[in-house]
Amino acid sequence: MTNSRSPHLRFGLLVAAFAFILDQVTKWVIITPLSLEAKREIELMDIFNLTWAENCGISLSMFANCNDTTRWTLVAVTALVAGAVAIWMTREQAKGDVIALAMILGGALGNIVDRVRYGYVVDFADLHFGDFRPFMIFNVADACISIGVLLLVARALLFGEKASDADAKPSAK
């Protein structure tokens, strides 16, 4: 019987924990010492502000109705997705894909904690070039999720199945 558990699982769990902790620590700094909720905006650079945003929905303002039904539905759906990502991560043989999945998992867990704790996700990172804003206001969890998805897509498009095989340990025949 072969062991289908990922040889990179421990490293993946460390990456997921790091993403989650970094997300929660940055949100604590934004809320507590910086009091961004009261200030609403702090300009750090010409192209980057800390801007308070309470995101009741998901990206592009979908499901932005702030009520308990939306809140708990999004918690449940995100938890199911996080569970599926965690299962995939435990079975994934390619280290690059494990890292990508771990980033998605850590980010998803960070946003779940926000929804449970506050009823919304705390967003604060506002990258802009003058009046041009290529991104919505986001947080570390959102960045981790986006980077993880981009890594998975890039590896699939650029390397296909060979990327998974190259990272995996050779099996005995």
N, C-alpha and C. Protein backbone atom coordinates (compact mmCIF):
# COMPACT_ATOMS: atom_id res chain seq x y z
N MET A 1 0.85 -1.18 0.00
CA MET A 1 0.00 0.00 0.00
C MET A 1 0.90 1.25 0.00
N THR A 2 0.65 2.14 -0.92
CA THR A 2 1.49 3.34 -1.02
C THR A 2 0.93 4.45 -0.14
N ASN A 3 1.84 5.26 0.36
CA ASN A 3 1.46 6.41 1.17
C ASN A 3 1.18 7.58 0.24
N SER A 4 -0.06 8.04 0.19
CA SER A 4 -0.42 9.13 -0.72
C SER A 4 -0.26 10.50 -0.06
N ARG A 5 0.20 10.52 1.18
CA ARG A 5 0.38 11.80 1.87
C ARG A 5 1.54 12.57 1.25
N SER A 6 1.37 13.85 1.13
CA SER A 6 2.39 14.70 0.52
C SER A 6 3.68 14.68 1.32
N PRO A 7 4.82 14.54 0.64
CA PRO A 7 6.10 14.61 1.35
C PRO A 7 6.41 16.04 1.81
N HIS A 8 5.66 17.00 1.31
CA HIS A 8 5.89 18.41 1.62
C HIS A 8 4.83 18.97 2.57
N LEU A 9 4.05 18.09 3.19
CA LEU A 9 2.93 18.53 4.01
C LEU A 9 3.36 19.41 5.18
N ARG A 10 4.39 19.02 5.90
CA ARG A 10 4.83 19.83 7.05
C ARG A 10 5.22 21.23 6.62
N PHE A 11 5.97 21.31 5.53
CA PHE A 11 6.36 22.63 5.02
C PHE A 11 5.12 23.42 4.61
N GLY A 12 4.18 22.76 3.96
CA GLY A 12 2.93 23.42 3.57
C GLY A 12 2.16 23.95 4.76
N LEU A 13 2.11 23.16 5.82
CA LEU A 13 1.42 23.61 7.03
C LEU A 13 2.12 24.82 7.65
N LEU A 14 3.45 24.84 7.59
CA LEU A 14 4.20 26.02 8.08
C LEU A 14 3.89 27.26 7.25
N VAL A 15 3.82 27.09 5.93
CA VAL A 15 3.49 28.22 5.05
C VAL A 15 2.07 28.71 5.34
N ALA A 16 1.13 27.79 5.49
CA ALA A 16 -0.26 28.17 5.80
C ALA A 16 -0.33 28.90 7.14
N ALA A 17 0.38 28.39 8.14
CA ALA A 17 0.39 29.04 9.46
C ALA A 17 1.01 30.42 9.37
N PHE A 18 2.10 30.55 8.62
CA PHE A 18 2.76 31.85 8.46
C PHE A 18 1.82 32.85 7.78
N ALA A 19 1.14 32.42 6.72
CA ALA A 19 0.19 33.30 6.01
C ALA A 19 -0.92 33.74 6.95
N PHE A 20 -1.47 32.80 7.70
CA PHE A 20 -2.55 33.10 8.64
C PHE A 20 -2.09 34.07 9.72
N ILE A 21 -0.95 33.79 10.33
CA ILE A 21 -0.44 34.64 11.42
C ILE A 21 -0.10 36.03 10.91
N LEU A 22 0.56 36.11 9.76
CA LEU A 22 0.90 37.42 9.18
C LEU A 22 -0.37 38.23 8.90
N ASP A 23 -1.39 37.58 8.37
CA ASP A 23 -2.66 38.25 8.12
C ASP A 23 -3.27 38.78 9.42
N GLN A 24 -3.34 37.95 10.43
CA GLN A 24 -3.97 38.37 11.68
C GLN A 24 -3.15 39.43 12.41
N VAL A 25 -1.83 39.33 12.37
CA VAL A 25 -0.99 40.34 13.02
C VAL A 25 -1.14 41.69 12.32
N THR A 26 -1.13 41.70 10.99
CA THR A 26 -1.29 42.98 10.29
C THR A 26 -2.65 43.60 10.58
N LYS A 27 -3.67 42.80 10.68
CA LYS A 27 -5.00 43.34 11.00
C LYS A 27 -5.04 43.86 12.43
N TRP A 28 -4.38 43.19 13.34
CA TRP A 28 -4.31 43.68 14.72
C TRP A 28 -3.61 45.04 14.75
N VAL A 29 -2.50 45.17 14.03
CA VAL A 29 -1.77 46.45 13.98
C VAL A 29 -2.67 47.54 13.40
N ILE A 30 -3.39 47.23 12.36
CA ILE A 30 -4.28 48.20 11.72
C ILE A 30 -5.37 48.64 12.69
N ILE A 31 -5.93 47.71 13.43
CA ILE A 31 -7.06 48.01 14.32
C ILE A 31 -6.60 48.62 15.63
N THR A 32 -5.58 48.06 16.27
CA THR A 32 -5.22 48.47 17.63
C THR A 32 -4.23 49.62 17.68
N PRO A 33 -2.95 49.41 17.40
CA PRO A 33 -2.03 50.55 17.56
C PRO A 33 -2.28 51.69 16.57
N LEU A 34 -2.64 51.36 15.32
CA LEU A 34 -2.83 52.43 14.33
C LEU A 34 -4.22 53.06 14.37
N SER A 35 -5.19 52.39 14.98
CA SER A 35 -6.57 52.88 15.06
C SER A 35 -7.09 53.33 13.70
N LEU A 36 -6.83 52.54 12.67
CA LEU A 36 -7.23 52.92 11.32
C LEU A 36 -8.74 53.05 11.18
N GLU A 37 -9.49 52.26 11.96
CA GLU A 37 -10.95 52.34 11.87
C GLU A 37 -11.43 53.76 12.16
N ALA A 38 -10.84 54.42 13.13
CA ALA A 38 -11.22 55.80 13.48
C ALA A 38 -10.65 56.81 12.49
N LYS A 39 -9.41 56.58 12.04
CA LYS A 39 -8.75 57.53 11.15
C LYS A 39 -9.22 57.40 9.71
N ARG A 40 -9.65 56.22 9.32
CA ARG A 40 -10.15 55.88 8.00
C ARG A 40 -9.06 55.76 6.93
N GLU A 41 -8.01 56.61 6.98
CA GLU A 41 -6.97 56.53 5.96
C GLU A 41 -5.66 57.12 6.47
N ILE A 42 -4.56 56.43 6.16
CA ILE A 42 -3.23 56.93 6.48
C ILE A 42 -2.41 56.82 5.19
N GLU A 43 -1.90 57.95 4.71
CA GLU A 43 -1.07 57.92 3.51
C GLU A 43 0.35 57.56 3.91
N LEU A 44 0.86 56.47 3.35
CA LEU A 44 2.22 56.02 3.64
C LEU A 44 3.20 56.45 2.55
N MET A 45 2.76 56.33 1.30
CA MET A 45 3.57 56.70 0.14
C MET A 45 2.63 57.29 -0.91
N ASP A 46 3.21 57.86 -1.94
CA ASP A 46 2.38 58.41 -3.02
C ASP A 46 1.52 57.34 -3.68
N ILE A 47 1.96 56.10 -3.62
CA ILE A 47 1.22 55.03 -4.29
C ILE A 47 0.55 54.04 -3.34
N PHE A 48 0.69 54.24 -2.03
CA PHE A 48 0.15 53.25 -1.10
C PHE A 48 -0.40 53.93 0.15
N ASN A 49 -1.67 53.66 0.42
CA ASN A 49 -2.33 54.15 1.63
C ASN A 49 -2.82 52.96 2.45
N LEU A 50 -2.98 53.19 3.73
CA LEU A 50 -3.74 52.28 4.58
C LEU A 50 -5.13 52.89 4.64
N THR A 51 -6.12 52.17 4.13
CA THR A 51 -7.48 52.68 4.05
C THR A 51 -8.42 51.65 4.68
N TRP A 52 -9.20 52.07 5.67
CA TRP A 52 -10.11 51.16 6.36
C TRP A 52 -11.26 50.76 5.45
N ALA A 53 -11.52 49.45 5.35
CA ALA A 53 -12.67 48.95 4.60
C ALA A 53 -13.21 47.71 5.31
N GLU A 54 -14.51 47.68 5.48
CA GLU A 54 -15.20 46.53 6.06
C GLU A 54 -15.88 45.80 4.91
N ASN A 55 -15.36 44.65 4.56
CA ASN A 55 -15.84 43.90 3.41
C ASN A 55 -16.78 42.79 3.86
N CYS A 56 -18.07 43.04 3.70
CA CYS A 56 -19.08 42.03 4.08
C CYS A 56 -19.21 40.93 3.03
N GLY A 57 -18.83 41.23 1.80
CA GLY A 57 -18.99 40.27 0.72
C GLY A 57 -17.68 39.64 0.32
N ILE A 58 -17.56 39.42 -0.99
CA ILE A 58 -16.31 38.89 -1.54
C ILE A 58 -15.81 39.88 -2.57
N SER A 59 -14.80 39.50 -3.31
CA SER A 59 -14.19 40.44 -4.25
C SER A 59 -15.21 41.02 -5.23
N LEU A 60 -14.90 42.21 -5.71
CA LEU A 60 -15.74 42.95 -6.64
C LEU A 60 -17.11 43.26 -6.06
N SER A 61 -17.20 43.36 -4.76
CA SER A 61 -18.42 43.72 -4.02
C SER A 61 -19.57 42.74 -4.22
N MET A 62 -19.29 41.52 -4.61
CA MET A 62 -20.36 40.53 -4.72
C MET A 62 -20.76 40.09 -3.32
N PHE A 63 -22.04 39.87 -3.13
CA PHE A 63 -22.62 39.45 -1.84
C PHE A 63 -22.30 40.46 -0.73
N ALA A 64 -22.34 41.74 -1.06
CA ALA A 64 -21.93 42.78 -0.11
C ALA A 64 -23.04 43.17 0.87
N ASN A 65 -24.15 42.46 0.85
CA ASN A 65 -25.24 42.73 1.78
C ASN A 65 -24.81 42.28 3.18
N CYS A 66 -24.66 43.22 4.10
CA CYS A 66 -24.17 42.91 5.45
C CYS A 66 -25.30 42.42 6.34
N ASN A 67 -25.57 41.13 6.31
CA ASN A 67 -26.54 40.56 7.23
C ASN A 67 -26.04 39.20 7.70
N ASP A 68 -26.68 38.65 8.71
CA ASP A 68 -26.21 37.39 9.29
C ASP A 68 -26.27 36.23 8.31
N THR A 69 -27.28 36.21 7.44
CA THR A 69 -27.39 35.12 6.47
C THR A 69 -26.18 35.12 5.54
N THR A 70 -25.84 36.29 5.00
CA THR A 70 -24.68 36.40 4.12
C THR A 70 -23.41 36.04 4.87
N ARG A 71 -23.28 36.58 6.07
CA ARG A 71 -22.08 36.33 6.88
C ARG A 71 -21.83 34.85 7.08
N TRP A 72 -22.83 34.15 7.60
CA TRP A 72 -22.63 32.74 7.95
C TRP A 72 -22.60 31.85 6.71
N THR A 73 -23.28 32.24 5.64
CA THR A 73 -23.17 31.50 4.38
C THR A 73 -21.75 31.59 3.85
N LEU A 74 -21.17 32.80 3.87
CA LEU A 74 -19.79 32.97 3.40
C LEU A 74 -18.80 32.24 4.30
N VAL A 75 -19.05 32.23 5.61
CA VAL A 75 -18.19 31.46 6.52
C VAL A 75 -18.24 29.98 6.14
N ALA A 76 -19.44 29.45 5.93
CA ALA A 76 -19.60 28.03 5.62
C ALA A 76 -18.96 27.68 4.27
N VAL A 77 -19.23 28.49 3.26
CA VAL A 77 -18.67 28.22 1.93
C VAL A 77 -17.15 28.31 1.96
N THR A 78 -16.62 29.34 2.61
CA THR A 78 -15.17 29.49 2.70
C THR A 78 -14.54 28.34 3.48
N ALA A 79 -15.21 27.90 4.53
CA ALA A 79 -14.70 26.76 5.31
C ALA A 79 -14.69 25.48 4.47
N LEU A 80 -15.73 25.27 3.66
CA LEU A 80 -15.75 24.10 2.78
C LEU A 80 -14.62 24.16 1.76
N VAL A 81 -14.41 25.34 1.17
CA VAL A 81 -13.32 25.50 0.20
C VAL A 81 -11.98 25.28 0.90
N ALA A 82 -11.82 25.86 2.09
CA ALA A 82 -10.57 25.68 2.85
C ALA A 82 -10.34 24.20 3.16
N GLY A 83 -11.40 23.49 3.51
CA GLY A 83 -11.29 22.05 3.77
C GLY A 83 -10.86 21.28 2.53
N ALA A 84 -11.44 21.62 1.38
CA ALA A 84 -11.06 20.97 0.13
C ALA A 84 -9.61 21.27 -0.22
N VAL A 85 -9.19 22.52 -0.02
CA VAL A 85 -7.80 22.90 -0.29
C VAL A 85 -6.86 22.13 0.65
N ALA A 86 -7.25 22.00 1.92
CA ALA A 86 -6.41 21.27 2.89
C ALA A 86 -6.27 19.80 2.48
N ILE A 87 -7.36 19.19 2.06
CA ILE A 87 -7.30 17.79 1.61
C ILE A 87 -6.40 17.67 0.39
N TRP A 88 -6.57 18.57 -0.58
CA TRP A 88 -5.73 18.57 -1.77
C TRP A 88 -4.25 18.71 -1.38
N MET A 89 -4.00 19.63 -0.44
CA MET A 89 -2.63 19.88 -0.01
C MET A 89 -2.00 18.63 0.62
N THR A 90 -2.79 17.87 1.37
CA THR A 90 -2.24 16.67 2.02
C THR A 90 -1.85 15.60 1.00
N ARG A 91 -2.46 15.66 -0.18
CA ARG A 91 -2.21 14.63 -1.20
C ARG A 91 -1.27 15.10 -2.31
N GLU A 92 -1.06 16.39 -2.39
CA GLU A 92 -0.25 16.96 -3.49
C GLU A 92 1.21 16.57 -3.34
N GLN A 93 1.80 16.11 -4.43
CA GLN A 93 3.20 15.67 -4.41
C GLN A 93 4.18 16.77 -4.82
N ALA A 94 3.72 17.76 -5.56
CA ALA A 94 4.61 18.82 -6.05
C ALA A 94 4.76 19.91 -4.99
N LYS A 95 6.00 20.19 -4.63
CA LYS A 95 6.26 21.18 -3.58
C LYS A 95 5.71 22.56 -3.95
N GLY A 96 5.86 22.96 -5.20
CA GLY A 96 5.34 24.26 -5.63
C GLY A 96 3.84 24.36 -5.46
N ASP A 97 3.13 23.30 -5.78
CA ASP A 97 1.68 23.30 -5.62
C ASP A 97 1.28 23.27 -4.15
N VAL A 98 2.04 22.57 -3.33
CA VAL A 98 1.77 22.56 -1.88
C VAL A 98 1.92 23.97 -1.32
N ILE A 99 2.95 24.69 -1.75
CA ILE A 99 3.14 26.07 -1.29
C ILE A 99 1.97 26.94 -1.72
N ALA A 100 1.56 26.82 -2.98
CA ALA A 100 0.43 27.61 -3.48
C ALA A 100 -0.84 27.30 -2.69
N LEU A 101 -1.12 26.02 -2.49
CA LEU A 101 -2.31 25.62 -1.73
C LEU A 101 -2.23 26.10 -0.29
N ALA A 102 -1.05 26.06 0.30
CA ALA A 102 -0.87 26.54 1.67
C ALA A 102 -1.17 28.03 1.78
N MET A 103 -0.75 28.80 0.78
CA MET A 103 -1.04 30.23 0.80
C MET A 103 -2.54 30.47 0.72
N ILE A 104 -3.22 29.71 -0.14
CA ILE A 104 -4.68 29.83 -0.26
C ILE A 104 -5.33 29.45 1.07
N LEU A 105 -4.89 28.35 1.66
CA LEU A 105 -5.46 27.89 2.93
C LEU A 105 -5.26 28.92 4.04
N GLY A 106 -4.04 29.41 4.21
CA GLY A 106 -3.77 30.40 5.25
C GLY A 106 -4.59 31.66 5.07
N GLY A 107 -4.71 32.12 3.83
CA GLY A 107 -5.52 33.32 3.56
C GLY A 107 -6.99 33.09 3.83
N ALA A 108 -7.50 31.94 3.41
CA ALA A 108 -8.91 31.63 3.64
C ALA A 108 -9.22 31.58 5.13
N LEU A 109 -8.34 30.95 5.90
CA LEU A 109 -8.56 30.87 7.35
C LEU A 109 -8.52 32.25 8.00
N GLY A 110 -7.62 33.11 7.53
CA GLY A 110 -7.56 34.48 8.06
C GLY A 110 -8.85 35.24 7.83
N ASN A 111 -9.42 35.11 6.63
CA ASN A 111 -10.67 35.81 6.34
C ASN A 111 -11.86 35.19 7.07
N ILE A 112 -11.82 33.87 7.29
CA ILE A 112 -12.89 33.23 8.07
C ILE A 112 -12.89 33.79 9.49
N VAL A 113 -11.72 33.89 10.10
CA VAL A 113 -11.63 34.43 11.47
C VAL A 113 -12.23 35.83 11.53
N ASP A 114 -11.93 36.67 10.55
CA ASP A 114 -12.51 38.02 10.51
C ASP A 114 -14.04 37.97 10.46
N ARG A 115 -14.57 37.15 9.56
CA ARG A 115 -16.04 37.09 9.42
C ARG A 115 -16.71 36.62 10.70
N VAL A 116 -16.10 35.64 11.36
CA VAL A 116 -16.67 35.15 12.62
C VAL A 116 -16.55 36.22 13.70
N ARG A 117 -15.38 36.84 13.82
CA ARG A 117 -15.11 37.81 14.87
C ARG A 117 -15.86 39.13 14.68
N TYR A 118 -15.82 39.68 13.46
CA TYR A 118 -16.35 41.03 13.23
C TYR A 118 -17.63 41.07 12.40
N GLY A 119 -17.90 40.03 11.65
CA GLY A 119 -19.03 40.06 10.73
C GLY A 119 -18.64 40.55 9.35
N TYR A 120 -17.38 40.88 9.16
CA TYR A 120 -16.85 41.35 7.88
C TYR A 120 -15.35 41.07 7.86
N VAL A 121 -14.77 41.19 6.69
CA VAL A 121 -13.32 41.04 6.55
C VAL A 121 -12.70 42.43 6.60
N VAL A 122 -11.65 42.57 7.38
CA VAL A 122 -10.93 43.84 7.49
C VAL A 122 -9.97 43.96 6.31
N ASP A 123 -10.19 44.97 5.47
CA ASP A 123 -9.30 45.27 4.35
C ASP A 123 -8.64 46.61 4.61
N PHE A 124 -7.41 46.78 4.13
CA PHE A 124 -6.70 48.02 4.45
C PHE A 124 -5.64 48.44 3.44
N ALA A 125 -5.16 47.54 2.61
CA ALA A 125 -4.07 47.85 1.68
C ALA A 125 -4.64 48.50 0.42
N ASP A 126 -4.21 49.72 0.15
CA ASP A 126 -4.76 50.50 -0.96
C ASP A 126 -3.62 50.96 -1.87
N LEU A 127 -3.35 50.16 -2.90
CA LEU A 127 -2.30 50.46 -3.87
C LEU A 127 -2.91 51.28 -5.00
N HIS A 128 -2.31 52.41 -5.32
CA HIS A 128 -2.87 53.27 -6.37
C HIS A 128 -1.78 54.06 -7.07
N PHE A 129 -2.10 54.50 -8.26
CA PHE A 129 -1.21 55.35 -9.05
C PHE A 129 -2.01 56.58 -9.42
N GLY A 130 -1.94 57.61 -8.58
CA GLY A 130 -2.81 58.77 -8.74
C GLY A 130 -4.23 58.33 -8.44
N ASP A 131 -5.14 58.59 -9.37
CA ASP A 131 -6.53 58.16 -9.20
C ASP A 131 -6.77 56.74 -9.71
N PHE A 132 -5.79 56.17 -10.37
CA PHE A 132 -5.92 54.82 -10.91
C PHE A 132 -5.64 53.80 -9.82
N ARG A 133 -6.63 52.95 -9.56
CA ARG A 133 -6.50 51.89 -8.56
C ARG A 133 -6.68 50.54 -9.24
N PRO A 134 -5.55 49.87 -9.53
CA PRO A 134 -5.65 48.59 -10.23
C PRO A 134 -6.26 47.47 -9.39
N PHE A 135 -6.30 47.66 -8.08
CA PHE A 135 -6.84 46.63 -7.18
C PHE A 135 -7.85 47.27 -6.24
N MET A 136 -8.78 46.45 -5.79
CA MET A 136 -9.67 46.87 -4.72
C MET A 136 -8.81 46.93 -3.45
N ILE A 137 -9.33 47.55 -2.40
CA ILE A 137 -8.62 47.55 -1.12
C ILE A 137 -8.59 46.09 -0.64
N PHE A 138 -7.44 45.65 -0.16
CA PHE A 138 -7.27 44.23 0.16
C PHE A 138 -6.50 44.08 1.47
N ASN A 139 -6.22 42.83 1.84
CA ASN A 139 -5.45 42.53 3.05
C ASN A 139 -4.44 41.42 2.72
N VAL A 140 -3.67 41.02 3.71
CA VAL A 140 -2.65 39.99 3.49
C VAL A 140 -3.28 38.67 3.08
N ALA A 141 -4.41 38.31 3.67
CA ALA A 141 -5.09 37.07 3.31
C ALA A 141 -5.48 37.08 1.84
N ASP A 142 -6.04 38.18 1.37
CA ASP A 142 -6.43 38.30 -0.04
C ASP A 142 -5.21 38.15 -0.94
N ALA A 143 -4.11 38.78 -0.56
CA ALA A 143 -2.88 38.69 -1.35
C ALA A 143 -2.38 37.25 -1.40
N CYS A 144 -2.41 36.56 -0.27
CA CYS A 144 -1.97 35.15 -0.23
C CYS A 144 -2.85 34.28 -1.12
N ILE A 145 -4.16 34.47 -1.03
CA ILE A 145 -5.08 33.69 -1.87
C ILE A 145 -4.81 33.96 -3.34
N SER A 146 -4.68 35.23 -3.71
CA SER A 146 -4.45 35.59 -5.11
C SER A 146 -3.13 35.03 -5.63
N ILE A 147 -2.07 35.17 -4.85
CA ILE A 147 -0.76 34.66 -5.26
C ILE A 147 -0.80 33.14 -5.36
N GLY A 148 -1.45 32.47 -4.41
CA GLY A 148 -1.57 31.02 -4.46
C GLY A 148 -2.30 30.55 -5.71
N VAL A 149 -3.41 31.19 -6.04
CA VAL A 149 -4.16 30.82 -7.25
C VAL A 149 -3.32 31.08 -8.49
N LEU A 150 -2.66 32.23 -8.55
CA LEU A 150 -1.80 32.54 -9.71
C LEU A 150 -0.68 31.52 -9.86
N LEU A 151 -0.08 31.10 -8.75
CA LEU A 151 0.97 30.08 -8.81
C LEU A 151 0.44 28.75 -9.35
N LEU A 152 -0.74 28.34 -8.88
CA LEU A 152 -1.33 27.09 -9.38
C LEU A 152 -1.61 27.17 -10.87
N VAL A 153 -2.20 28.28 -11.30
CA VAL A 153 -2.54 28.45 -12.72
C VAL A 153 -1.26 28.50 -13.56
N ALA A 154 -0.28 29.27 -13.12
CA ALA A 154 0.97 29.39 -13.87
C ALA A 154 1.67 28.04 -14.00
N ARG A 155 1.74 27.30 -12.90
CA ARG A 155 2.39 25.99 -12.94
C ARG A 155 1.63 25.03 -13.86
N ALA A 156 0.31 25.08 -13.83
CA ALA A 156 -0.48 24.20 -14.69
C ALA A 156 -0.30 24.58 -16.16
N LEU A 157 -0.32 25.87 -16.46
CA LEU A 157 -0.18 26.31 -17.85
C LEU A 157 1.24 26.12 -18.39
N LEU A 158 2.22 26.43 -17.57
CA LEU A 158 3.60 26.38 -18.03
C LEU A 158 4.21 24.99 -18.00
N PHE A 159 3.84 24.21 -17.00
CA PHE A 159 4.50 22.92 -16.80
C PHE A 159 3.58 21.72 -16.93
N GLY A 160 2.30 21.92 -16.83
CA GLY A 160 1.36 20.81 -16.92
C GLY A 160 1.62 19.76 -15.86
N GLU A 161 1.41 18.52 -16.19
CA GLU A 161 1.59 17.42 -15.25
C GLU A 161 3.06 17.22 -14.89
N LYS A 162 3.97 17.62 -15.76
CA LYS A 162 5.39 17.40 -15.50
C LYS A 162 5.88 18.16 -14.28
N ALA A 163 5.23 19.30 -13.95
CA ALA A 163 5.64 20.05 -12.76
C ALA A 163 5.41 19.22 -11.51
N SER A 164 4.28 18.54 -11.46
CA SER A 164 3.99 17.70 -10.29
C SER A 164 4.96 16.54 -10.21
N ASP A 165 5.24 15.92 -11.36
CA ASP A 165 6.13 14.77 -11.37
C ASP A 165 7.56 15.15 -11.02
N ALA A 166 8.01 16.33 -11.44
CA ALA A 166 9.40 16.74 -11.21
C ALA A 166 9.69 16.98 -9.74
N ASP A 167 8.69 17.48 -9.00
CA ASP A 167 8.89 17.76 -7.58
C ASP A 167 8.73 16.52 -6.71
N ALA A 168 8.02 15.54 -7.20
CA ALA A 168 7.72 14.36 -6.38
C ALA A 168 8.95 13.47 -6.28
N LYS A 169 9.00 12.74 -5.18
CA LYS A 169 10.08 11.76 -5.01
C LYS A 169 9.82 10.60 -5.97
N PRO A 170 10.86 10.07 -6.58
CA PRO A 170 10.65 8.94 -7.49
C PRO A 170 10.12 7.74 -6.72
N SER A 171 9.21 7.04 -7.33
CA SER A 171 8.64 5.86 -6.67
C SER A 171 9.45 4.62 -7.06
N ALA A 172 9.49 3.68 -6.14
CA ALA A 172 10.20 2.43 -6.38
C ALA A 172 9.34 1.54 -7.26
N LYS A 173 9.98 0.89 -8.21
CA LYS A 173 9.21 0.01 -9.11
C LYS A 173 9.43 -1.42 -8.78
